[in-house]
Amino acid sequence: MTLPGSDGGPSPQTAPRKQLRPFAKPPSTAVYSIIVSTAALLGTLFNFWYSNWRSADIEVQEGKTASIAHNLNGALDIYVPVVFWNHGARPDVVTDTELSLKYLPTGREIPLKPFSYYINEGSSTKFGDDPVPEIVAGQQIVRRNIVFQSTLSDAARFGDLKAGTYEMVLSYHLMNSERIHRLSSTHFKLGDDAVDYLSQPYGSRGAAVWPFWIDR
């Protein structure tokens, strides 16, 4: 028996053997160190930006109760608790605020400007003038009870307070913004008892003040 190719003839071609791939080498410790260091650096940079360089974002809200009065001079006063809340990291300045009051049954409207403010500190009350401009630092909350007051001429045109529903809109302007920001309108009602009380003659304590709830 002769083996194939033993007589000098061509031997059958054999299939080449398949070479096995070597196992992939695991990443070295240096690669892991670079990944961890890069992630830590990015986290530090983000935290620094978030805490120090994020743009100011001021939110303004009124409180749930306010008060209205005719002062001794005959002008109209409205006492409104206001909160300035800066969600951002950089400071901003509230350069101006204004309150607009409208008597809905007739559409009469009167503007009121901030006149003064007071802060309740425990059992004492601190009064101050010029509630604006107000600097609001980053991630800070500033609370003010602002007294908005009309001019005598505007109060004369507006006329006496009457029973019914009133609309109140608070507007404010920021130093870093060119537009005027307006809060959503709020409403309150004055009954006949409130109008009678506010129409009383001024006594030794000054003008009569009527508190009311703000309805959002």
C-alpha atoms as a PDB file:
ATOM      1  CA  MET A   1       0.000   0.000   0.000  1.00  0.00           C
ATOM      2  CA  THR A   2       1.473   3.257  -1.075  1.00  0.00           C
ATOM      3  CA  LEU A   3       0.798   6.420   0.782  1.00  0.00           C
ATOM      4  CA  PRO A   4      -0.364   9.443  -1.150  1.00  0.00           C
ATOM      5  CA  GLY A   5       2.667  11.274  -2.429  1.00  0.00           C
ATOM      6  CA  SER A   6       5.091   8.529  -1.557  1.00  0.00           C
ATOM      7  CA  ASP A   7       5.672   7.803  -5.225  1.00  0.00           C
ATOM      8  CA  GLY A   8       6.803  11.313  -5.861  1.00  0.00           C
ATOM      9  CA  GLY A   9       3.437  12.487  -7.164  1.00  0.00           C
ATOM     10  CA  PRO A  10       1.642  15.587  -5.957  1.00  0.00           C
ATOM     11  CA  SER A  11       0.398  15.412  -2.407  1.00  0.00           C
ATOM     12  CA  PRO A  12      -3.070  16.673  -1.612  1.00  0.00           C
ATOM     13  CA  GLN A  13      -3.223  20.250  -0.256  1.00  0.00           C
ATOM     14  CA  THR A  14      -4.048  20.486   3.409  1.00  0.00           C
ATOM     15  CA  ALA A  15      -6.191  23.382   4.815  1.00  0.00           C
ATOM     16  CA  PRO A  16      -4.138  25.974   6.697  1.00  0.00           C
ATOM     17  CA  ARG A  17      -4.546  25.897  10.393  1.00  0.00           C
ATOM     18  CA  LYS A  18      -6.601  28.708  11.918  1.00  0.00           C
ATOM     19  CA  GLN A  19      -4.509  30.891  14.174  1.00  0.00           C
ATOM     20  CA  LEU A  20      -6.105  31.707  17.527  1.00  0.00           C
ATOM     21  CA  ARG A  21      -6.265  35.329  18.621  1.00  0.00           C
ATOM     22  CA  PRO A  22      -4.487  36.105  21.831  1.00  0.00           C
ATOM     23  CA  PHE A  23      -6.647  37.224  24.728  1.00  0.00           C
ATOM     24  CA  ALA A  24      -7.063  41.030  24.989  1.00  0.00           C
ATOM     25  CA  LYS A  25      -4.890  42.520  27.650  1.00  0.00           C
ATOM     26  CA  PRO A  26      -6.777  44.244  30.466  1.00  0.00           C
ATOM     27  CA  PRO A  27      -6.279  48.023  30.748  1.00  0.00           C
ATOM     28  CA  SER A  28      -3.362  48.954  32.852  1.00  0.00           C
ATOM     29  CA  THR A  29      -3.642  50.775  36.165  1.00  0.00           C
ATOM     30  CA  ALA A  30      -2.471  53.984  34.456  1.00  0.00           C
ATOM     31  CA  VAL A  31      -5.544  54.020  32.189  1.00  0.00           C
ATOM     32  CA  TYR A  32      -7.867  53.681  35.172  1.00  0.00           C
ATOM     33  CA  SER A  33      -6.017  56.496  36.930  1.00  0.00           C
ATOM     34  CA  ILE A  34      -6.414  58.801  33.921  1.00  0.00           C
ATOM     35  CA  ILE A  35     -10.170  58.101  33.711  1.00  0.00           C
ATOM     36  CA  VAL A  36     -10.706  58.734  37.432  1.00  0.00           C
ATOM     37  CA  SER A  37      -8.583  61.909  37.401  1.00  0.00           C
ATOM     38  CA  THR A  38     -10.419  63.300  34.362  1.00  0.00           C
ATOM     39  CA  ALA A  39     -13.823  62.637  35.923  1.00  0.00           C
ATOM     40  CA  ALA A  40     -12.726  64.288  39.174  1.00  0.00           C
ATOM     41  CA  LEU A  41     -11.414  67.352  37.298  1.00  0.00           C
ATOM     42  CA  LEU A  42     -14.643  67.722  35.316  1.00  0.00           C
ATOM     43  CA  GLY A  43     -16.681  67.393  38.519  1.00  0.00           C
ATOM     44  CA  THR A  44     -14.569  70.055  40.231  1.00  0.00           C
ATOM     45  CA  LEU A  45     -14.919  72.453  37.296  1.00  0.00           C
ATOM     46  CA  PHE A  46     -18.687  71.933  37.157  1.00  0.00           C
ATOM     47  CA  ASN A  47     -19.042  72.458  40.902  1.00  0.00           C
ATOM     48  CA  PHE A  48     -16.952  75.657  40.718  1.00  0.00           C
ATOM     49  CA  TRP A  49     -19.073  76.994  37.852  1.00  0.00           C
ATOM     50  CA  TYR A  50     -22.330  76.016  39.558  1.00  0.00           C
ATOM     51  CA  SER A  51     -21.354  77.621  42.861  1.00  0.00           C
ATOM     52  CA  ASN A  52     -19.649  80.797  41.594  1.00  0.00           C
ATOM     53  CA  TRP A  53     -20.342  81.626  37.952  1.00  0.00           C
ATOM     54  CA  ARG A  54     -23.883  80.477  37.244  1.00  0.00           C
ATOM     55  CA  SER A  55     -25.999  83.394  35.994  1.00  0.00           C
ATOM     56  CA  ALA A  56     -28.336  85.118  38.418  1.00  0.00           C
ATOM     57  CA  ASP A  57     -31.914  83.890  38.317  1.00  0.00           C
ATOM     58  CA  ILE A  58     -34.143  86.042  40.518  1.00  0.00           C
ATOM     59  CA  GLU A  59     -37.677  84.990  41.344  1.00  0.00           C
ATOM     60  CA  VAL A  60     -40.059  87.464  42.986  1.00  0.00           C
ATOM     61  CA  GLN A  61     -43.203  86.470  44.866  1.00  0.00           C
ATOM     62  CA  GLU A  62     -45.757  88.284  46.997  1.00  0.00           C
ATOM     63  CA  GLY A  63     -46.940  86.973  50.316  1.00  0.00           C
ATOM     64  CA  LYS A  64     -50.407  85.597  50.969  1.00  0.00           C
ATOM     65  CA  THR A  65     -51.673  88.648  52.853  1.00  0.00           C
ATOM     66  CA  ALA A  66     -51.394  92.384  52.254  1.00  0.00           C
ATOM     67  CA  SER A  67     -52.972  95.606  53.529  1.00  0.00           C
ATOM     68  CA  ILE A  68     -54.514  98.687  51.975  1.00  0.00           C
ATOM     69  CA  ALA A  69     -54.986 102.175  53.411  1.00  0.00           C
ATOM     70  CA  HIS A  70     -55.539 105.854  52.656  1.00  0.00           C
ATOM     71  CA  ASN A  71     -52.640 107.615  54.356  1.00  0.00           C
ATOM     72  CA  LEU A  72     -52.771 110.948  56.180  1.00  0.00           C
ATOM     73  CA  ASN A  73     -51.914 112.850  53.003  1.00  0.00           C
ATOM     74  CA  GLY A  74     -54.771 111.299  51.065  1.00  0.00           C
ATOM     75  CA  ALA A  75     -52.626 109.027  48.888  1.00  0.00           C
ATOM     76  CA  LEU A  76     -53.317 105.304  48.565  1.00  0.00           C
ATOM     77  CA  ASP A  77     -50.950 102.866  50.314  1.00  0.00           C
ATOM     78  CA  ILE A  78     -50.662  99.116  49.830  1.00  0.00           C
ATOM     79  CA  TYR A  79     -48.445  97.048  52.112  1.00  0.00           C
ATOM     80  CA  VAL A  80     -47.176  93.915  50.347  1.00  0.00           C
ATOM     81  CA  PRO A  81     -44.682  91.336  51.690  1.00  0.00           C
ATOM     82  CA  VAL A  82     -42.278  90.556  48.858  1.00  0.00           C
ATOM     83  CA  VAL A  83     -39.629  87.835  48.577  1.00  0.00           C
ATOM     84  CA  PHE A  84     -36.628  88.154  46.240  1.00  0.00           C
ATOM     85  CA  TRP A  85     -35.060  84.718  45.679  1.00  0.00           C
ATOM     86  CA  ASN A  86     -31.879  84.366  43.637  1.00  0.00           C
ATOM     87  CA  HIS A  87     -31.585  80.784  42.362  1.00  0.00           C
ATOM     88  CA  GLY A  88     -28.305  81.551  40.554  1.00  0.00           C
ATOM     89  CA  ALA A  89     -24.773  81.962  41.856  1.00  0.00           C
ATOM     90  CA  ARG A  90     -23.977  85.499  40.656  1.00  0.00           C
ATOM     91  CA  PRO A  91     -25.643  88.538  42.271  1.00  0.00           C
ATOM     92  CA  ASP A  92     -28.186  90.763  40.580  1.00  0.00           C
ATOM     93  CA  VAL A  93     -29.943  94.013  41.438  1.00  0.00           C
ATOM     94  CA  VAL A  94     -33.672  94.677  41.533  1.00  0.00           C
ATOM     95  CA  THR A  95     -33.556  98.243  40.231  1.00  0.00           C
ATOM     96  CA  ASP A  96     -37.266  99.072  40.364  1.00  0.00           C
ATOM     97  CA  THR A  97     -40.653  97.699  41.344  1.00  0.00           C
ATOM     98  CA  GLU A  98     -44.170  98.928  40.664  1.00  0.00           C
ATOM     99  CA  LEU A  99     -47.626  97.878  41.725  1.00  0.00           C
ATOM    100  CA  SER A 100     -50.669  98.329  39.532  1.00  0.00           C
ATOM    101  CA  LEU A 101     -54.130  98.297  41.113  1.00  0.00           C
ATOM    102  CA  LYS A 102     -57.290  97.956  39.020  1.00  0.00           C
ATOM    103  CA  TYR A 103     -60.907  98.090  40.136  1.00  0.00           C
ATOM    104  CA  LEU A 104     -62.394  95.387  37.911  1.00  0.00           C
ATOM    105  CA  PRO A 105     -66.071  96.506  37.835  1.00  0.00           C
ATOM    106  CA  THR A 106     -65.126  99.812  36.157  1.00  0.00           C
ATOM    107  CA  GLY A 107     -61.585  99.187  34.893  1.00  0.00           C
ATOM    108  CA  ARG A 108     -60.141 102.111  36.865  1.00  0.00           C
ATOM    109  CA  GLU A 109     -56.411 101.667  37.358  1.00  0.00           C
ATOM    110  CA  ILE A 110     -53.766 103.355  39.490  1.00  0.00           C
ATOM    111  CA  PRO A 111     -49.963 102.862  39.618  1.00  0.00           C
ATOM    112  CA  LEU A 112     -48.147 102.746  42.949  1.00  0.00           C
ATOM    113  CA  LYS A 113     -44.408 103.156  43.478  1.00  0.00           C
ATOM    114  CA  PRO A 114     -42.327 101.723  46.340  1.00  0.00           C
ATOM    115  CA  PHE A 115     -42.123 104.335  49.095  1.00  0.00           C
ATOM    116  CA  SER A 116     -40.575 102.558  52.075  1.00  0.00           C
ATOM    117  CA  TYR A 117     -40.237  99.136  53.656  1.00  0.00           C
ATOM    118  CA  TYR A 118     -40.071  97.470  57.021  1.00  0.00           C
ATOM    119  CA  ILE A 119     -38.613  94.201  58.300  1.00  0.00           C
ATOM    120  CA  ASN A 120     -39.997  92.196  61.199  1.00  0.00           C
ATOM    121  CA  GLU A 121     -37.083  91.046  63.340  1.00  0.00           C
ATOM    122  CA  GLY A 122     -38.483  89.029  66.211  1.00  0.00           C
ATOM    123  CA  SER A 123     -40.537  91.325  68.415  1.00  0.00           C
ATOM    124  CA  SER A 124     -39.149  94.517  66.831  1.00  0.00           C
ATOM    125  CA  THR A 125     -39.758  96.168  63.470  1.00  0.00           C
ATOM    126  CA  LYS A 126     -37.039  97.868  61.430  1.00  0.00           C
ATOM    127  CA  PHE A 127     -38.107 100.627  59.059  1.00  0.00           C
ATOM    128  CA  GLY A 128     -36.190 101.940  56.069  1.00  0.00           C
ATOM    129  CA  ASP A 129     -36.536 104.145  53.009  1.00  0.00           C
ATOM    130  CA  ASP A 130     -35.861 103.374  49.351  1.00  0.00           C
ATOM    131  CA  PRO A 131     -36.667  99.640  49.151  1.00  0.00           C
ATOM    132  CA  VAL A 132     -35.085  99.556  45.689  1.00  0.00           C
ATOM    133  CA  PRO A 133     -32.509  99.121  44.335  1.00  0.00           C
ATOM    134  CA  GLU A 134     -32.115  95.852  46.212  1.00  0.00           C
ATOM    135  CA  ILE A 135     -28.964  93.749  45.817  1.00  0.00           C
ATOM    136  CA  VAL A 136     -29.697  90.020  45.944  1.00  0.00           C
ATOM    137  CA  ALA A 137     -26.585  87.879  46.373  1.00  0.00           C
ATOM    138  CA  GLY A 138     -26.237  84.463  44.805  1.00  0.00           C
ATOM    139  CA  GLN A 139     -28.361  81.695  46.347  1.00  0.00           C
ATOM    140  CA  GLN A 140     -29.861  84.154  48.823  1.00  0.00           C
ATOM    141  CA  ILE A 141     -33.406  85.139  49.850  1.00  0.00           C
ATOM    142  CA  VAL A 142     -34.306  88.742  50.728  1.00  0.00           C
ATOM    143  CA  ARG A 143     -37.647  89.497  52.391  1.00  0.00           C
ATOM    144  CA  ARG A 144     -39.163  92.971  52.448  1.00  0.00           C
ATOM    145  CA  ASN A 145     -42.538  94.335  53.494  1.00  0.00           C
ATOM    146  CA  ILE A 146     -42.794  97.059  50.881  1.00  0.00           C
ATOM    147  CA  VAL A 147     -45.115 100.045  51.167  1.00  0.00           C
ATOM    148  CA  PHE A 148     -46.329 100.995  47.684  1.00  0.00           C
ATOM    149  CA  GLN A 149     -47.777 104.499  47.482  1.00  0.00           C
ATOM    150  CA  SER A 150     -49.644 106.433  44.816  1.00  0.00           C
ATOM    151  CA  THR A 151     -49.288 110.117  44.054  1.00  0.00           C
ATOM    152  CA  LEU A 152     -51.981 112.487  45.260  1.00  0.00           C
ATOM    153  CA  SER A 153     -53.045 113.274  41.691  1.00  0.00           C
ATOM    154  CA  ASP A 154     -53.362 109.581  40.804  1.00  0.00           C
ATOM    155  CA  ALA A 155     -55.331 108.944  43.999  1.00  0.00           C
ATOM    156  CA  ALA A 156     -57.700 111.807  43.143  1.00  0.00           C
ATOM    157  CA  ARG A 157     -58.284 110.418  39.654  1.00  0.00           C
ATOM    158  CA  PHE A 158     -58.787 106.918  41.005  1.00  0.00           C
ATOM    159  CA  GLY A 159     -61.427 108.142  43.454  1.00  0.00           C
ATOM    160  CA  ASP A 160     -62.708 106.539  46.611  1.00  0.00           C
ATOM    161  CA  LEU A 161     -62.376 102.845  47.289  1.00  0.00           C
ATOM    162  CA  LYS A 162     -65.515 100.886  46.542  1.00  0.00           C
ATOM    163  CA  ALA A 163     -66.680  97.401  47.388  1.00  0.00           C
ATOM    164  CA  GLY A 164     -65.831  94.803  44.775  1.00  0.00           C
ATOM    165  CA  THR A 165     -62.948  92.839  43.262  1.00  0.00           C
ATOM    166  CA  TYR A 166     -59.546  94.407  42.636  1.00  0.00           C
ATOM    167  CA  GLU A 167     -56.693  93.150  40.471  1.00  0.00           C
ATOM    168  CA  MET A 168     -53.103  93.677  41.579  1.00  0.00           C
ATOM    169  CA  VAL A 169     -50.035  93.197  39.381  1.00  0.00           C
ATOM    170  CA  LEU A 170     -46.463  93.515  40.694  1.00  0.00           C
ATOM    171  CA  SER A 171     -43.755  94.414  38.165  1.00  0.00           C
ATOM    172  CA  TYR A 172     -40.002  94.548  38.690  1.00  0.00           C
ATOM    173  CA  HIS A 173     -36.905  95.358  36.658  1.00  0.00           C
ATOM    174  CA  LEU A 174     -33.488  93.697  36.973  1.00  0.00           C
ATOM    175  CA  MET A 175     -30.136  95.306  36.222  1.00  0.00           C
ATOM    176  CA  ASN A 176     -29.001  92.409  34.015  1.00  0.00           C
ATOM    177  CA  SER A 177     -32.245  92.302  32.034  1.00  0.00           C
ATOM    178  CA  GLU A 178     -33.685  94.840  29.617  1.00  0.00           C
ATOM    179  CA  ARG A 179     -37.287  93.701  29.916  1.00  0.00           C
ATOM    180  CA  ILE A 180     -39.791  94.364  32.680  1.00  0.00           C
ATOM    181  CA  HIS A 181     -40.890  91.255  34.553  1.00  0.00           C
ATOM    182  CA  ARG A 182     -44.544  91.000  35.563  1.00  0.00           C
ATOM    183  CA  LEU A 183     -45.950  88.515  38.005  1.00  0.00           C
ATOM    184  CA  SER A 184     -49.235  86.841  37.301  1.00  0.00           C
ATOM    185  CA  SER A 185     -52.130  89.018  38.380  1.00  0.00           C
ATOM    186  CA  THR A 186     -53.613  88.461  41.825  1.00  0.00           C
ATOM    187  CA  HIS A 187     -57.059  89.432  43.097  1.00  0.00           C
ATOM    188  CA  PHE A 188     -58.614  90.511  46.358  1.00  0.00           C
ATOM    189  CA  LYS A 189     -62.064  91.646  47.425  1.00  0.00           C
ATOM    190  CA  LEU A 190     -63.186  94.549  49.569  1.00  0.00           C
ATOM    191  CA  GLY A 191     -66.609  94.311  51.160  1.00  0.00           C
ATOM    192  CA  ASP A 192     -68.835  97.131  52.377  1.00  0.00           C
ATOM    193  CA  ASP A 193     -67.443  96.757  55.897  1.00  0.00           C
ATOM    194  CA  ALA A 194     -63.893  97.259  54.599  1.00  0.00           C
ATOM    195  CA  VAL A 195     -64.871 100.352  52.603  1.00  0.00           C
ATOM    196  CA  ASP A 196     -66.667 101.846  55.610  1.00  0.00           C
ATOM    197  CA  TYR A 197     -63.667 101.178  57.830  1.00  0.00           C
ATOM    198  CA  LEU A 198     -61.186 102.689  55.351  1.00  0.00           C
ATOM    199  CA  SER A 199     -63.386 105.778  54.986  1.00  0.00           C
ATOM    200  CA  GLN A 200     -63.233 106.621  58.699  1.00  0.00           C
ATOM    201  CA  PRO A 201     -61.671 109.949  59.711  1.00  0.00           C
ATOM    202  CA  TYR A 202     -58.000 109.756  60.590  1.00  0.00           C
ATOM    203  CA  GLY A 203     -57.381 109.336  64.293  1.00  0.00           C
ATOM    204  CA  SER A 204     -54.345 109.792  66.482  1.00  0.00           C
ATOM    205  CA  ARG A 205     -52.950 106.455  65.257  1.00  0.00           C
ATOM    206  CA  GLY A 206     -52.922 107.562  61.635  1.00  0.00           C
ATOM    207  CA  ALA A 207     -54.763 106.085  58.682  1.00  0.00           C
ATOM    208  CA  ALA A 208     -57.026 103.057  58.920  1.00  0.00           C
ATOM    209  CA  VAL A 209     -55.392  99.925  57.487  1.00  0.00           C
ATOM    210  CA  TRP A 210     -57.398  96.969  56.174  1.00  0.00           C
ATOM    211  CA  PRO A 211     -55.677  93.565  55.700  1.00  0.00           C
ATOM    212  CA  PHE A 212     -56.798  91.228  52.939  1.00  0.00           C
ATOM    213  CA  TRP A 213     -55.969  87.813  51.486  1.00  0.00           C
ATOM    214  CA  ILE A 214     -54.334  87.582  48.065  1.00  0.00           C
ATOM    215  CA  ASP A 215     -56.179  85.181  45.791  1.00  0.00           C
ATOM    216  CA  ARG A 216     -53.965  83.532  43.134  1.00  0.00           C
END
